[in-house]
Amino acid sequence: MFLKVFKHLLPNSPAWRITIDKKLRQFFDGLSVALGDESKEYFDGIFTDIDPQKTRHLDTWETQFGLRDTGQTEQERRDRLAATWRAVGGQDPHYIQTTLQDAGFDVYVHDWWVPGTEPAVNVKSCVAARDPRVTLRDSLSDITYIVECDEAVAECGEAIAQAGERSDPPGYPLVNKLAYYEKDILPLCGETFMEAGETAAICGDYLTYYTRYKFYEIPADADKWHYFIYIGGAVYGEAATVDSKRKDEFESLCLKICPSHLWLGIIVEYN
């Protein structure tokens, strides 16, 4: 094969022709042998590098697509890369759900309306919108647990007396991840624990910064509830489970592939 390649590369003149057995032909015969199997394997390897399941440079492709190391196995990483490669675009619920699932997130997409409220054929009527306040809490608030194991307020037979029962909905709204930073301030003026000469006893001194994200309040206006879609468990309202190490990756992918005019109701528990 390589001898034929050399024939096409050499100048078209009698001096450079290697169709007859001469020193020049012998030289290229030897060069062809040297480039044989090893070169074929090299070029075959380059071709397989475009296959996420076979590529030799998995780290390089993950860098190319911005996929972070979240402690997955090599096969999980290859599956995630393949899913990212296949994501060519589309914003319908099926595409969003399939893309998230292919990336390794066991979640489901639910529309903004209540199933069963669709009008009959030839009837002009509006469907009922789901109230996001039922399933979503304020994005910056923590879950408030009412009952924890061994608490005295848990009474046998009470519906809310289940360990881990909470007063807040399981989900939260995801709109944009706009970060700002706050100082972890140590002493404040007038505090009793400040002692003269202490290096940290300067008013307003701080140890580090905390990353905070912009707060988005869930609208009370029902006319805005049809601008939500919900991502959670197989049954609407039930929370899906996502690896806490992949939270940022999951949220970034949701924001990337979902329509930008919609708010996302993320009904997910991270563990």
Protein backbone atom coordinates (compact mmCIF):
# COMPACT_ATOMS: atom_id res chain seq x y z
CA MET A 1 0.00 0.00 0.00
CA PHE A 2 2.71 2.48 0.95
CA LEU A 3 4.67 1.78 -2.25
CA LYS A 4 1.63 2.91 -4.24
CA VAL A 5 1.43 6.02 -2.12
CA PHE A 6 5.06 6.83 -2.82
CA LYS A 7 4.50 6.34 -6.56
CA HIS A 8 1.82 9.03 -6.53
CA LEU A 9 3.96 11.38 -4.44
CA LEU A 10 7.12 11.19 -6.54
CA PRO A 11 7.64 13.58 -9.49
CA ASN A 12 6.27 12.40 -12.85
CA SER A 13 9.56 11.91 -14.69
CA PRO A 14 11.65 8.91 -15.86
CA ALA A 15 14.28 9.54 -13.17
CA TRP A 16 11.75 9.11 -10.35
CA ARG A 17 9.81 6.15 -11.68
CA ILE A 18 9.98 3.05 -9.49
CA THR A 19 8.10 0.58 -11.69
CA ILE A 20 11.35 -1.24 -12.47
CA ASP A 21 13.77 -2.83 -10.01
CA LYS A 22 16.49 -0.27 -9.31
CA LYS A 23 18.14 1.30 -6.25
CA LEU A 24 15.38 3.88 -5.91
CA ARG A 25 12.73 1.13 -6.04
CA GLN A 26 14.64 -0.91 -3.46
CA PHE A 27 14.80 2.11 -1.16
CA PHE A 28 11.05 2.71 -1.27
CA ASP A 29 10.38 -1.03 -0.95
CA GLY A 30 12.31 -1.01 2.31
CA LEU A 31 10.60 2.17 3.49
CA SER A 32 7.21 0.66 2.73
CA VAL A 33 8.01 -2.37 4.89
CA ALA A 34 9.18 -0.13 7.76
CA LEU A 35 5.94 1.84 7.63
CA GLY A 36 3.72 -1.24 7.22
CA ASP A 37 1.85 -2.75 10.14
CA GLU A 38 2.89 -0.20 12.76
CA SER A 39 1.71 2.74 10.67
CA LYS A 40 -1.55 0.99 9.81
CA GLU A 41 -2.25 0.43 13.50
CA TYR A 42 -1.44 4.07 14.22
CA PHE A 43 -3.83 5.41 11.58
CA ASP A 44 -6.50 2.87 12.51
CA GLY A 45 -6.19 4.12 16.08
CA ILE A 46 -6.72 7.71 14.94
CA PHE A 47 -9.91 6.66 13.18
CA THR A 48 -11.27 4.89 16.26
CA ASP A 49 -10.60 8.00 18.36
CA ILE A 50 -13.85 9.47 17.01
CA ASP A 51 -15.74 6.62 18.69
CA PRO A 52 -16.46 7.48 22.37
CA GLN A 53 -16.47 3.78 23.26
CA LYS A 54 -13.04 3.11 21.71
CA THR A 55 -11.08 6.37 21.87
CA ARG A 56 -7.64 6.24 23.44
CA HIS A 57 -7.89 9.86 24.53
CA LEU A 58 -10.94 9.92 26.77
CA ASP A 59 -9.49 12.70 28.95
CA THR A 60 -8.90 14.92 25.92
CA TRP A 61 -12.46 14.52 24.66
CA GLU A 62 -13.86 15.25 28.13
CA THR A 63 -11.85 18.47 28.17
CA GLN A 64 -13.16 19.31 24.70
CA PHE A 65 -16.78 18.93 25.82
CA GLY A 66 -16.26 20.43 29.29
CA LEU A 67 -17.07 17.19 31.14
CA ARG A 68 -15.68 17.20 34.67
CA ASP A 69 -14.31 14.30 36.67
CA THR A 70 -17.08 13.25 39.07
CA GLY A 71 -15.70 9.89 40.13
CA GLN A 72 -17.45 7.80 37.47
CA THR A 73 -16.13 4.53 36.11
CA GLU A 74 -14.43 4.54 32.71
CA GLN A 75 -17.50 2.96 31.10
CA GLU A 76 -19.79 5.58 32.66
CA ARG A 77 -17.46 8.28 31.36
CA ARG A 78 -17.56 6.79 27.85
CA ASP A 79 -21.36 6.58 27.96
CA ARG A 80 -21.55 10.20 29.12
CA LEU A 81 -19.23 11.30 26.30
CA ALA A 82 -21.30 9.37 23.75
CA ALA A 83 -24.49 11.05 25.01
CA THR A 84 -22.89 14.49 24.82
CA TRP A 85 -21.65 13.79 21.30
CA ARG A 86 -25.13 12.72 20.18
CA ALA A 87 -26.85 15.80 21.61
CA VAL A 88 -27.30 17.67 18.35
CA GLY A 89 -30.11 19.92 19.58
CA GLY A 90 -33.85 20.00 20.19
CA GLN A 91 -36.09 21.34 22.94
CA ASP A 92 -39.09 19.05 23.11
CA PRO A 93 -39.66 17.16 26.40
CA HIS A 94 -38.65 13.80 24.92
CA TYR A 95 -35.32 15.15 23.68
CA ILE A 96 -34.58 16.81 27.04
CA GLN A 97 -35.46 13.68 28.98
CA THR A 98 -33.49 11.37 26.68
CA THR A 99 -30.43 13.62 26.77
CA LEU A 100 -30.43 13.76 30.57
CA GLN A 101 -30.94 10.01 30.89
CA ASP A 102 -28.21 9.26 28.34
CA ALA A 103 -25.87 11.40 30.44
CA GLY A 104 -26.50 9.08 33.39
CA PHE A 105 -29.25 10.99 35.25
CA ASP A 106 -32.35 8.93 36.07
CA VAL A 107 -34.83 11.80 35.72
CA TYR A 108 -38.06 12.49 33.84
CA VAL A 109 -39.53 15.63 32.29
CA HIS A 110 -43.09 16.76 33.10
CA ASP A 111 -45.07 19.50 31.35
CA TRP A 112 -46.58 22.55 33.02
CA TRP A 113 -50.23 21.50 32.81
CA VAL A 114 -52.27 19.06 34.89
CA PRO A 115 -52.95 15.89 32.85
CA GLY A 116 -56.65 15.23 32.38
CA THR A 117 -57.62 18.90 32.16
CA GLU A 118 -57.18 19.07 28.40
CA PRO A 119 -60.36 20.30 26.67
CA ALA A 120 -62.39 17.98 24.49
CA VAL A 121 -62.09 18.12 20.72
CA ASN A 122 -63.57 21.34 19.24
CA VAL A 123 -63.92 22.84 22.73
CA LYS A 124 -62.06 26.10 23.31
CA SER A 125 -60.79 26.02 26.86
CA CYS A 126 -57.53 26.33 28.75
CA VAL A 127 -55.83 23.49 30.59
CA ALA A 128 -55.10 23.89 34.29
CA ALA A 129 -51.54 24.89 35.09
CA ARG A 130 -49.62 23.11 37.81
CA ASP A 131 -48.92 25.33 40.82
CA PRO A 132 -45.11 25.34 41.19
CA ARG A 133 -45.39 26.28 44.86
CA VAL A 134 -46.73 22.79 45.60
CA THR A 135 -43.54 21.02 44.52
CA LEU A 136 -40.87 23.76 44.64
CA ARG A 137 -39.36 25.58 47.59
CA ASP A 138 -37.45 28.86 47.47
CA SER A 139 -34.20 28.15 45.66
CA LEU A 140 -31.96 29.36 48.51
CA SER A 141 -33.80 27.86 51.45
CA ASP A 142 -32.94 24.57 53.07
CA ILE A 143 -35.43 21.78 53.60
CA THR A 144 -37.12 22.04 56.98
CA TYR A 145 -37.59 18.61 58.52
CA ILE A 146 -40.53 18.31 60.88
CA VAL A 147 -39.79 14.87 62.29
CA GLU A 148 -36.48 13.11 62.76
CA CYS A 149 -35.89 9.70 64.30
CA ASP A 150 -36.50 9.44 68.09
CA GLU A 151 -38.16 12.86 68.37
CA ALA A 152 -40.71 13.18 71.14
CA VAL A 153 -43.21 14.98 68.87
CA ALA A 154 -43.61 11.91 66.66
CA GLU A 155 -46.87 10.25 67.57
CA CYS A 156 -47.92 6.83 66.37
CA GLY A 157 -50.47 7.02 63.58
CA GLU A 158 -49.89 10.65 62.66
CA ALA A 159 -49.49 11.04 58.89
CA ILE A 160 -46.69 13.54 59.32
CA ALA A 161 -44.93 11.49 62.00
CA GLN A 162 -42.71 9.76 59.48
CA ALA A 163 -38.94 10.02 59.98
CA GLY A 164 -37.60 12.54 57.50
CA GLU A 165 -41.00 14.17 56.88
CA ARG A 166 -40.59 17.81 55.86
CA SER A 167 -42.71 20.92 55.64
CA ASP A 168 -41.04 22.24 52.49
CA PRO A 169 -41.63 20.89 48.95
CA PRO A 170 -38.89 18.60 47.61
CA GLY A 171 -37.92 20.68 44.55
CA TYR A 172 -36.46 24.10 43.78
CA PRO A 173 -36.56 26.51 40.82
CA LEU A 174 -33.53 26.64 38.53
CA VAL A 175 -33.42 29.76 36.36
CA ASN A 176 -29.84 30.97 36.02
CA LYS A 177 -26.72 30.28 38.06
CA LEU A 178 -25.56 33.85 38.63
CA ALA A 179 -22.94 33.75 41.38
CA TYR A 180 -21.84 36.43 43.79
CA TYR A 181 -19.52 36.24 46.79
CA GLU A 182 -19.89 37.04 50.49
CA LYS A 183 -17.16 37.35 53.10
CA ASP A 184 -17.13 35.04 56.10
CA ILE A 185 -16.66 37.91 58.56
CA LEU A 186 -15.17 36.99 61.94
CA PRO A 187 -15.47 39.82 64.48
CA LEU A 188 -17.95 42.65 64.30
CA CYS A 189 -17.68 45.90 66.23
CA GLY A 190 -18.72 45.53 69.86
CA GLU A 191 -18.51 41.74 70.04
CA THR A 192 -17.51 40.41 73.46
CA PHE A 193 -15.08 37.74 72.23
CA MET A 194 -12.72 40.27 70.61
CA GLU A 195 -9.41 40.48 72.47
CA ALA A 196 -6.80 43.15 72.00
CA GLY A 197 -3.80 41.99 69.97
CA GLU A 198 -5.51 39.04 68.32
CA THR A 199 -4.77 38.98 64.57
CA ALA A 200 -8.39 38.19 63.79
CA ALA A 201 -9.75 40.80 66.19
CA ILE A 202 -9.94 43.53 63.57
CA CYS A 203 -13.47 44.67 62.86
CA GLY A 204 -14.60 43.21 59.55
CA ASP A 205 -11.76 40.70 59.23
CA TYR A 206 -12.68 37.51 57.42
CA LEU A 207 -11.35 34.03 56.69
CA THR A 208 -12.79 33.25 53.26
CA TYR A 209 -15.52 33.94 50.72
CA TYR A 210 -18.78 32.05 50.32
CA THR A 211 -20.27 31.54 46.87
CA ARG A 212 -23.94 32.51 46.70
CA TYR A 213 -26.36 32.32 43.81
CA LYS A 214 -29.00 34.82 42.81
CA PHE A 215 -32.38 34.15 44.38
CA TYR A 216 -35.46 33.76 42.17
CA GLU A 217 -38.83 33.99 43.88
CA ILE A 218 -41.52 31.61 42.67
CA PRO A 219 -44.27 33.75 41.07
CA ALA A 220 -47.70 33.79 42.68
CA ASP A 221 -49.28 34.90 39.40
CA ALA A 222 -50.97 31.82 37.87
CA ASP A 223 -50.54 33.29 34.37
CA LYS A 224 -46.81 32.65 34.73
CA TRP A 225 -47.05 29.02 35.81
CA HIS A 226 -47.18 27.76 32.22
CA TYR A 227 -43.59 28.99 31.84
CA PHE A 228 -42.37 26.07 33.99
CA ILE A 229 -41.26 22.57 33.14
CA TYR A 230 -40.44 20.02 35.82
CA ILE A 231 -37.57 17.56 36.01
CA GLY A 232 -37.82 14.87 38.67
CA GLY A 233 -38.98 11.31 39.29
CA ALA A 234 -41.04 9.11 36.99
CA VAL A 235 -44.22 10.28 38.77
CA TYR A 236 -44.76 14.04 38.91
CA GLY A 237 -44.00 15.39 42.38
CA GLU A 238 -41.72 12.53 43.37
CA ALA A 239 -38.05 13.39 43.74
CA ALA A 240 -35.40 11.77 41.56
CA THR A 241 -31.97 10.98 42.98
CA VAL A 242 -28.76 12.49 41.58
CA ASP A 243 -25.21 11.99 42.80
CA SER A 244 -24.24 15.09 44.80
CA LYS A 245 -20.83 15.13 43.09
CA ARG A 246 -22.62 15.65 39.78
CA LYS A 247 -24.98 18.41 40.94
CA ASP A 248 -23.21 21.22 39.05
CA GLU A 249 -22.92 19.05 35.94
CA PHE A 250 -26.61 18.13 36.13
CA GLU A 251 -27.79 21.72 36.59
CA SER A 252 -25.50 23.01 33.82
CA LEU A 253 -26.81 20.37 31.39
CA CYS A 254 -30.42 21.21 32.27
CA LEU A 255 -29.83 24.91 31.62
CA LYS A 256 -27.98 24.13 28.40
CA ILE A 257 -30.61 21.97 26.70
CA CYS A 258 -33.87 23.40 28.06
CA PRO A 259 -35.66 26.36 26.42
CA SER A 260 -34.24 29.56 27.86
CA HIS A 261 -37.65 31.24 28.34
CA LEU A 262 -38.76 28.55 30.82
CA TRP A 263 -38.10 28.17 34.51
CA LEU A 264 -37.02 24.69 35.53
CA GLY A 265 -38.62 22.99 38.49
CA ILE A 266 -35.91 20.64 39.72
CA ILE A 267 -37.49 17.95 41.89
CA VAL A 268 -34.29 16.16 42.83
CA GLU A 269 -32.55 14.96 45.97
CA TYR A 270 -28.74 14.92 45.92
CA ASN A 271 -26.91 12.24 47.86
